[in-house]
């Protein structure tokens, strides 16, 4: 697919729909996160969903006591569909290949952001044990998916 900014995310098996905002990098080089529980965010330094390469969408598992769009991301199973609506009016449909959990200190940067030979999607959120002292989860949950259909 040609480039077109993503506008909305749907994960039917989890009952998730969320608008998508743009995300960049923070001053330390880490990925920005959405400012609350309502939205998901697309990393603008990656391909748009449906283009060749790994599109990156991040969202909160929870935020200030409210479930975020990716509250149940770890429950996705292989074959589950993720639909990304785009500004060109088309919908990129992805099928989940796998969902993995990594300690934040061992984030698989190359597996997430590295070149791939197909249109892929990476969904990223926090997970694992909550560290009260750091006010953060210790792990990241990452769903890896590939484009399987284009809809109008």
N, C-alpha and C. Protein backbone atom coordinates (compact mmCIF):
# COMPACT_ATOMS: atom_id res chain seq x y z
N UNK A 1 0.85 -1.17 0.00
CA UNK A 1 0.00 0.00 0.00
C UNK A 1 0.89 1.24 0.00
N UNK A 2 0.40 2.30 -0.57
CA UNK A 2 1.13 3.56 -0.50
C UNK A 2 0.94 4.18 0.89
N UNK A 3 1.72 5.20 1.18
CA UNK A 3 1.65 5.83 2.50
C UNK A 3 0.33 6.56 2.70
N UNK A 4 -0.24 6.40 3.87
CA UNK A 4 -1.44 7.13 4.30
C UNK A 4 -1.48 7.04 5.82
N UNK A 5 -1.60 8.17 6.47
CA UNK A 5 -1.59 8.18 7.94
C UNK A 5 -2.73 7.34 8.51
N UNK A 6 -2.46 6.61 9.58
CA UNK A 6 -3.51 5.84 10.25
C UNK A 6 -4.41 6.77 11.07
N UNK A 7 -5.69 6.43 11.13
CA UNK A 7 -6.65 7.27 11.85
C UNK A 7 -7.34 6.55 12.99
N UNK A 8 -7.51 5.23 12.87
CA UNK A 8 -8.25 4.49 13.88
C UNK A 8 -7.75 3.04 13.91
N UNK A 9 -7.83 2.44 15.09
CA UNK A 9 -7.41 1.06 15.30
C UNK A 9 -8.59 0.27 15.84
N UNK A 10 -8.78 -0.95 15.32
CA UNK A 10 -9.81 -1.85 15.85
C UNK A 10 -9.22 -3.24 16.02
N UNK A 11 -9.51 -3.84 17.16
CA UNK A 11 -9.14 -5.23 17.41
C UNK A 11 -10.43 -5.93 17.79
N UNK A 12 -11.15 -6.46 16.80
CA UNK A 12 -12.48 -7.03 17.06
C UNK A 12 -12.53 -8.08 18.16
N UNK A 13 -11.55 -8.99 18.22
CA UNK A 13 -11.59 -10.07 19.21
C UNK A 13 -11.48 -9.55 20.65
N UNK A 14 -10.95 -8.33 20.81
CA UNK A 14 -10.82 -7.75 22.15
C UNK A 14 -11.84 -6.63 22.40
N UNK A 15 -12.67 -6.33 21.40
CA UNK A 15 -13.65 -5.26 21.53
C UNK A 15 -13.00 -3.88 21.60
N UNK A 16 -11.85 -3.72 20.96
CA UNK A 16 -11.10 -2.47 21.04
C UNK A 16 -11.32 -1.62 19.79
N UNK A 17 -11.60 -0.34 20.00
CA UNK A 17 -11.52 0.67 18.95
C UNK A 17 -10.88 1.90 19.60
N UNK A 18 -9.99 2.53 18.87
CA UNK A 18 -9.31 3.71 19.43
C UNK A 18 -8.83 4.60 18.29
N UNK A 19 -8.97 5.91 18.46
CA UNK A 19 -8.37 6.81 17.49
C UNK A 19 -6.86 6.75 17.60
N UNK A 20 -6.18 7.10 16.51
CA UNK A 20 -4.72 7.05 16.49
C UNK A 20 -4.16 8.45 16.33
N UNK A 21 -3.19 8.79 17.17
CA UNK A 21 -2.48 10.06 17.08
C UNK A 21 -1.04 9.78 16.64
N UNK A 22 -0.31 10.82 16.27
CA UNK A 22 1.10 10.69 15.90
C UNK A 22 1.99 10.66 17.15
N UNK A 23 3.04 9.84 17.10
CA UNK A 23 4.04 9.79 18.15
C UNK A 23 5.43 9.96 17.54
N UNK A 24 6.32 10.59 18.28
CA UNK A 24 7.71 10.71 17.87
C UNK A 24 8.59 10.08 18.92
N UNK A 25 9.79 10.61 19.04
CA UNK A 25 10.72 10.13 20.05
C UNK A 25 10.91 11.17 21.13
N UNK A 26 11.16 10.70 22.36
CA UNK A 26 11.48 11.60 23.46
C UNK A 26 12.96 11.99 23.39
N UNK A 27 13.37 12.93 24.19
CA UNK A 27 14.75 13.41 24.15
C UNK A 27 15.77 12.32 24.43
N UNK A 28 15.39 11.26 25.16
CA UNK A 28 16.32 10.16 25.44
C UNK A 28 16.32 9.10 24.35
N UNK A 29 15.54 9.32 23.28
CA UNK A 29 15.48 8.39 22.17
C UNK A 29 14.40 7.33 22.29
N UNK A 30 13.70 7.30 23.41
CA UNK A 30 12.63 6.31 23.57
C UNK A 30 11.35 6.81 22.91
N UNK A 31 10.47 5.89 22.60
CA UNK A 31 9.22 6.19 21.94
C UNK A 31 8.30 6.99 22.85
N UNK A 32 7.70 8.06 22.32
CA UNK A 32 6.67 8.78 23.06
C UNK A 32 5.50 7.83 23.30
N UNK A 33 4.65 8.19 24.24
CA UNK A 33 3.43 7.43 24.49
C UNK A 33 2.25 8.40 24.44
N UNK A 34 1.06 7.89 24.15
CA UNK A 34 -0.12 8.76 24.15
C UNK A 34 -0.32 9.39 25.53
N UNK A 35 -0.94 10.58 25.58
CA UNK A 35 -1.10 11.30 26.84
C UNK A 35 -2.22 10.80 27.75
N UNK A 36 -2.89 9.74 27.38
CA UNK A 36 -3.96 9.21 28.21
C UNK A 36 -4.42 7.85 27.72
N UNK A 37 -5.53 7.37 28.29
CA UNK A 37 -6.02 6.03 28.01
C UNK A 37 -6.92 5.93 26.78
N UNK A 38 -7.27 7.04 26.17
CA UNK A 38 -8.25 7.00 25.09
C UNK A 38 -7.68 6.67 23.73
N UNK A 39 -6.42 7.00 23.47
CA UNK A 39 -5.86 6.90 22.14
C UNK A 39 -4.72 5.90 22.04
N UNK A 40 -4.51 5.45 20.82
CA UNK A 40 -3.30 4.72 20.47
C UNK A 40 -2.43 5.71 19.70
N UNK A 41 -1.16 5.38 19.51
CA UNK A 41 -0.28 6.29 18.79
C UNK A 41 0.57 5.55 17.78
N UNK A 42 0.71 6.14 16.61
CA UNK A 42 1.55 5.60 15.54
C UNK A 42 2.88 6.32 15.55
N UNK A 43 3.97 5.58 15.55
CA UNK A 43 5.31 6.15 15.49
C UNK A 43 5.59 6.62 14.07
N UNK A 44 5.69 7.94 13.90
CA UNK A 44 5.83 8.54 12.57
C UNK A 44 7.18 8.28 11.92
N UNK A 45 8.13 7.74 12.66
CA UNK A 45 9.42 7.38 12.09
C UNK A 45 9.42 6.00 11.45
N UNK A 46 8.30 5.33 11.49
CA UNK A 46 8.15 3.99 10.90
C UNK A 46 7.19 4.10 9.71
N UNK A 47 7.10 3.04 8.90
CA UNK A 47 6.14 3.04 7.81
C UNK A 47 4.71 3.23 8.32
N UNK A 48 3.84 3.70 7.43
CA UNK A 48 2.43 3.75 7.79
C UNK A 48 1.87 2.33 7.68
N UNK A 49 0.85 1.99 8.45
CA UNK A 49 0.29 0.64 8.39
C UNK A 49 -0.16 0.29 6.97
N UNK A 50 0.38 -0.81 6.47
CA UNK A 50 0.09 -1.26 5.12
C UNK A 50 1.25 -1.07 4.17
N UNK A 51 2.17 -0.16 4.48
CA UNK A 51 3.38 0.01 3.68
C UNK A 51 4.35 -1.13 4.00
N UNK A 52 5.32 -1.32 3.11
CA UNK A 52 6.38 -2.29 3.36
C UNK A 52 7.15 -1.90 4.61
N UNK A 53 7.34 -2.84 5.51
CA UNK A 53 8.09 -2.59 6.74
C UNK A 53 7.21 -2.68 7.97
N UNK A 54 7.82 -2.48 9.13
CA UNK A 54 7.09 -2.61 10.39
C UNK A 54 6.47 -1.30 10.86
N UNK A 55 5.15 -1.18 10.74
CA UNK A 55 4.43 -0.05 11.32
C UNK A 55 4.37 -0.28 12.84
N UNK A 56 4.48 0.81 13.60
CA UNK A 56 4.53 0.70 15.06
C UNK A 56 3.36 1.48 15.67
N UNK A 57 2.55 0.80 16.47
CA UNK A 57 1.46 1.45 17.20
C UNK A 57 1.60 1.10 18.67
N UNK A 58 1.61 2.12 19.51
CA UNK A 58 1.72 1.93 20.96
C UNK A 58 0.48 2.49 21.64
N UNK A 59 0.14 1.89 22.78
CA UNK A 59 -0.98 2.39 23.59
C UNK A 59 -0.78 1.88 25.01
N UNK A 60 -1.48 2.53 25.92
CA UNK A 60 -1.37 2.15 27.32
C UNK A 60 -2.16 0.89 27.64
N UNK A 61 -1.65 0.13 28.60
CA UNK A 61 -2.40 -0.99 29.17
C UNK A 61 -3.43 -0.40 30.14
N UNK A 62 -3.03 0.62 30.88
CA UNK A 62 -3.94 1.40 31.72
C UNK A 62 -3.30 2.76 32.00
N UNK A 63 -4.12 3.69 32.43
CA UNK A 63 -3.64 5.05 32.69
C UNK A 63 -4.53 5.67 33.75
N UNK A 64 -3.93 6.00 34.87
CA UNK A 64 -4.64 6.65 35.98
C UNK A 64 -5.94 5.92 36.33
N UNK A 65 -5.85 4.59 36.43
CA UNK A 65 -6.98 3.77 36.85
C UNK A 65 -7.95 3.40 35.75
N UNK A 66 -7.72 3.84 34.53
CA UNK A 66 -8.61 3.54 33.41
C UNK A 66 -7.90 2.58 32.45
N UNK A 67 -8.63 1.54 32.00
CA UNK A 67 -8.04 0.64 31.01
C UNK A 67 -7.69 1.40 29.75
N UNK A 68 -6.54 1.10 29.19
CA UNK A 68 -6.12 1.67 27.92
C UNK A 68 -6.53 0.76 26.78
N UNK A 69 -6.31 1.20 25.53
CA UNK A 69 -6.67 0.38 24.38
C UNK A 69 -6.00 -1.00 24.38
N UNK A 70 -4.81 -1.10 24.98
CA UNK A 70 -4.08 -2.37 24.95
C UNK A 70 -4.13 -3.09 26.30
N UNK A 71 -5.20 -2.88 27.06
CA UNK A 71 -5.35 -3.53 28.37
C UNK A 71 -5.32 -5.05 28.26
N UNK A 72 -5.79 -5.58 27.14
CA UNK A 72 -5.86 -7.04 26.97
C UNK A 72 -4.98 -7.53 25.82
N UNK A 73 -3.98 -6.72 25.44
CA UNK A 73 -3.14 -7.09 24.30
C UNK A 73 -2.51 -8.47 24.47
N UNK A 74 -2.14 -8.83 25.68
CA UNK A 74 -1.50 -10.14 25.92
C UNK A 74 -2.44 -11.30 25.62
N UNK A 75 -3.74 -11.04 25.49
CA UNK A 75 -4.72 -12.09 25.21
C UNK A 75 -4.88 -12.38 23.72
N UNK A 76 -4.26 -11.56 22.86
CA UNK A 76 -4.36 -11.83 21.42
C UNK A 76 -3.77 -13.19 21.10
N UNK A 77 -4.36 -13.87 20.14
CA UNK A 77 -3.86 -15.18 19.73
C UNK A 77 -3.51 -15.13 18.24
N UNK A 78 -2.63 -16.03 17.80
CA UNK A 78 -2.30 -16.07 16.38
C UNK A 78 -3.56 -16.15 15.51
N UNK A 79 -3.58 -15.34 14.48
CA UNK A 79 -4.73 -15.28 13.59
C UNK A 79 -5.71 -14.17 13.91
N UNK A 80 -5.66 -13.62 15.13
CA UNK A 80 -6.54 -12.50 15.48
C UNK A 80 -6.30 -11.34 14.52
N UNK A 81 -7.38 -10.66 14.15
CA UNK A 81 -7.25 -9.54 13.22
C UNK A 81 -7.13 -8.20 13.94
N UNK A 82 -6.34 -7.33 13.35
CA UNK A 82 -6.18 -5.94 13.77
C UNK A 82 -6.45 -5.11 12.52
N UNK A 83 -7.38 -4.17 12.61
CA UNK A 83 -7.75 -3.36 11.46
C UNK A 83 -7.35 -1.91 11.72
N UNK A 84 -6.55 -1.37 10.81
CA UNK A 84 -6.12 0.01 10.91
C UNK A 84 -6.78 0.81 9.80
N UNK A 85 -7.63 1.76 10.17
CA UNK A 85 -8.24 2.66 9.20
C UNK A 85 -7.23 3.74 8.86
N UNK A 86 -7.22 4.15 7.59
CA UNK A 86 -6.21 5.09 7.11
C UNK A 86 -6.88 6.33 6.50
N UNK A 87 -6.11 7.39 6.41
CA UNK A 87 -6.62 8.66 5.89
C UNK A 87 -7.05 8.56 4.43
N UNK A 88 -6.59 7.55 3.68
CA UNK A 88 -7.00 7.39 2.29
C UNK A 88 -8.31 6.64 2.14
N UNK A 89 -8.98 6.33 3.27
CA UNK A 89 -10.26 5.65 3.25
C UNK A 89 -10.17 4.14 3.19
N UNK A 90 -8.96 3.61 3.12
CA UNK A 90 -8.79 2.17 3.09
C UNK A 90 -8.49 1.64 4.49
N UNK A 91 -8.66 0.34 4.65
CA UNK A 91 -8.43 -0.33 5.93
C UNK A 91 -7.40 -1.43 5.71
N UNK A 92 -6.31 -1.35 6.46
CA UNK A 92 -5.28 -2.38 6.42
C UNK A 92 -5.63 -3.43 7.47
N UNK A 93 -5.81 -4.66 7.04
CA UNK A 93 -6.18 -5.75 7.94
C UNK A 93 -4.94 -6.62 8.17
N UNK A 94 -4.58 -6.77 9.42
CA UNK A 94 -3.41 -7.55 9.82
C UNK A 94 -3.86 -8.76 10.61
N UNK A 95 -3.09 -9.85 10.49
CA UNK A 95 -3.31 -11.05 11.30
C UNK A 95 -2.12 -11.19 12.25
N UNK A 96 -2.41 -11.43 13.50
CA UNK A 96 -1.37 -11.59 14.51
C UNK A 96 -0.62 -12.89 14.29
N UNK A 97 0.70 -12.80 14.28
CA UNK A 97 1.56 -14.00 14.20
C UNK A 97 1.88 -14.53 15.59
N UNK A 98 2.21 -13.59 16.51
CA UNK A 98 2.61 -13.99 17.86
C UNK A 98 2.55 -12.78 18.78
N UNK A 99 2.48 -13.06 20.07
CA UNK A 99 2.53 -12.03 21.10
C UNK A 99 3.63 -12.45 22.07
N UNK A 100 4.56 -11.52 22.35
CA UNK A 100 5.71 -11.84 23.19
C UNK A 100 5.85 -10.81 24.31
N UNK A 101 6.49 -11.24 25.39
CA UNK A 101 6.73 -10.36 26.54
C UNK A 101 8.23 -10.30 26.80
N UNK A 102 8.74 -9.07 26.98
CA UNK A 102 10.17 -8.85 27.21
C UNK A 102 10.36 -7.90 28.38
N UNK A 103 11.38 -8.13 29.20
CA UNK A 103 11.74 -7.12 30.20
C UNK A 103 12.12 -5.83 29.46
N UNK A 104 11.73 -4.70 30.03
CA UNK A 104 12.06 -3.42 29.38
C UNK A 104 13.56 -3.26 29.17
N UNK A 105 14.34 -3.87 30.05
CA UNK A 105 15.80 -3.78 29.92
C UNK A 105 16.33 -4.63 28.78
N UNK A 106 15.47 -5.50 28.20
CA UNK A 106 15.88 -6.38 27.10
C UNK A 106 14.96 -6.20 25.89
N UNK A 107 14.50 -4.97 25.67
CA UNK A 107 13.58 -4.69 24.57
C UNK A 107 14.24 -5.11 23.25
N UNK A 108 13.52 -5.88 22.40
CA UNK A 108 14.10 -6.40 21.15
C UNK A 108 14.02 -5.37 20.02
N UNK A 109 14.81 -4.34 20.12
CA UNK A 109 14.74 -3.21 19.19
C UNK A 109 14.79 -3.64 17.73
N UNK A 110 15.73 -4.49 17.38
CA UNK A 110 15.87 -4.91 15.98
C UNK A 110 14.66 -5.71 15.51
N UNK A 111 14.11 -6.58 16.35
CA UNK A 111 12.93 -7.38 15.97
C UNK A 111 11.71 -6.51 15.78
N UNK A 112 11.63 -5.41 16.52
CA UNK A 112 10.47 -4.52 16.43
C UNK A 112 10.62 -3.52 15.29
N UNK A 113 11.75 -2.84 15.23
CA UNK A 113 11.94 -1.74 14.29
C UNK A 113 12.71 -2.10 13.03
N UNK A 114 13.37 -3.27 13.00
CA UNK A 114 14.23 -3.64 11.89
C UNK A 114 13.46 -3.91 10.60
N UNK A 115 14.19 -3.86 9.49
CA UNK A 115 13.59 -4.09 8.17
C UNK A 115 12.98 -5.48 8.08
N UNK A 116 11.85 -5.56 7.40
CA UNK A 116 11.19 -6.83 7.10
C UNK A 116 10.77 -6.80 5.63
N UNK A 117 10.48 -7.97 5.05
CA UNK A 117 10.17 -8.06 3.63
C UNK A 117 8.67 -8.03 3.32
N UNK A 118 7.86 -7.56 4.26
CA UNK A 118 6.42 -7.51 4.08
C UNK A 118 5.86 -6.32 4.88
N UNK A 119 4.59 -6.05 4.68
CA UNK A 119 3.92 -5.02 5.47
C UNK A 119 3.56 -5.64 6.82
N UNK A 120 4.19 -5.14 7.87
CA UNK A 120 3.97 -5.69 9.20
C UNK A 120 3.43 -4.64 10.15
N UNK A 121 3.04 -5.09 11.31
CA UNK A 121 2.52 -4.22 12.36
C UNK A 121 3.05 -4.72 13.69
N UNK A 122 3.49 -3.79 14.52
CA UNK A 122 3.92 -4.09 15.88
C UNK A 122 3.05 -3.29 16.83
N UNK A 123 2.37 -3.95 17.74
CA UNK A 123 1.56 -3.31 18.77
C UNK A 123 2.33 -3.43 20.07
N UNK A 124 2.56 -2.29 20.74
CA UNK A 124 3.42 -2.29 21.93
C UNK A 124 2.69 -1.67 23.11
N UNK A 125 2.81 -2.32 24.26
CA UNK A 125 2.29 -1.77 25.51
C UNK A 125 3.16 -2.27 26.66
N UNK A 126 2.83 -1.84 27.85
CA UNK A 126 3.52 -2.30 29.06
C UNK A 126 2.83 -3.56 29.58
N UNK A 127 3.54 -4.30 30.41
CA UNK A 127 2.95 -5.50 30.98
C UNK A 127 3.83 -6.08 32.05
N UNK A 128 3.46 -7.28 32.47
CA UNK A 128 4.22 -7.95 33.51
C UNK A 128 3.91 -7.35 34.87
N UNK A 129 4.88 -7.47 35.76
CA UNK A 129 4.73 -7.00 37.13
C UNK A 129 4.84 -5.48 37.19
N UNK A 130 4.03 -4.87 38.05
CA UNK A 130 4.09 -3.41 38.23
C UNK A 130 5.09 -3.09 39.32
N UNK A 131 6.00 -2.18 39.03
CA UNK A 131 7.02 -1.74 39.96
C UNK A 131 6.53 -0.43 40.60
N UNK A 132 6.03 -0.52 41.82
CA UNK A 132 5.47 0.66 42.51
C UNK A 132 6.51 1.76 42.70
N UNK A 133 7.73 1.40 43.02
CA UNK A 133 8.78 2.39 43.25
C UNK A 133 9.07 3.19 41.98
N UNK A 134 9.07 2.52 40.83
CA UNK A 134 9.34 3.19 39.56
C UNK A 134 8.06 3.71 38.91
N UNK A 135 6.89 3.34 39.46
CA UNK A 135 5.59 3.72 38.90
C UNK A 135 5.50 3.30 37.44
N UNK A 136 5.92 2.06 37.18
CA UNK A 136 5.97 1.56 35.81
C UNK A 136 5.93 0.04 35.81
N UNK A 137 5.47 -0.51 34.70
CA UNK A 137 5.54 -1.96 34.52
C UNK A 137 6.97 -2.34 34.16
N UNK A 138 7.35 -3.56 34.52
CA UNK A 138 8.72 -4.02 34.28
C UNK A 138 8.94 -4.53 32.85
N UNK A 139 7.85 -4.91 32.16
CA UNK A 139 7.98 -5.54 30.85
C UNK A 139 7.23 -4.77 29.77
N UNK A 140 7.46 -5.20 28.54
CA UNK A 140 6.68 -4.77 27.39
C UNK A 140 6.01 -5.99 26.77
N UNK A 141 4.79 -5.81 26.33
CA UNK A 141 4.06 -6.81 25.55
C UNK A 141 4.09 -6.32 24.11
N UNK A 142 4.46 -7.19 23.19
CA UNK A 142 4.55 -6.82 21.78
C UNK A 142 3.81 -7.86 20.95
N UNK A 143 2.85 -7.38 20.16
CA UNK A 143 2.16 -8.25 19.20
C UNK A 143 2.76 -8.00 17.82
N UNK A 144 3.13 -9.07 17.14
CA UNK A 144 3.68 -9.01 15.80
C UNK A 144 2.60 -9.49 14.83
N UNK A 145 2.34 -8.70 13.78
CA UNK A 145 1.29 -9.05 12.83
C UNK A 145 1.74 -8.74 11.41
N UNK A 146 1.04 -9.32 10.43
CA UNK A 146 1.35 -9.08 9.02
C UNK A 146 0.07 -8.75 8.26
N UNK A 147 0.23 -7.94 7.21
CA UNK A 147 -0.92 -7.54 6.38
C UNK A 147 -1.50 -8.75 5.66
N UNK A 148 -2.83 -8.91 5.77
CA UNK A 148 -3.49 -10.03 5.09
C UNK A 148 -4.59 -9.57 4.14
N UNK A 149 -5.04 -8.32 4.27
CA UNK A 149 -6.11 -7.83 3.39
C UNK A 149 -6.11 -6.31 3.37
N UNK A 150 -6.66 -5.78 2.30
CA UNK A 150 -6.88 -4.34 2.17
C UNK A 150 -8.36 -4.17 1.85
N UNK A 151 -9.05 -3.38 2.65
CA UNK A 151 -10.49 -3.18 2.46
C UNK A 151 -10.79 -1.71 2.21
N UNK A 152 -11.88 -1.46 1.56
CA UNK A 152 -12.36 -0.08 1.34
C UNK A 152 -13.47 0.22 2.29
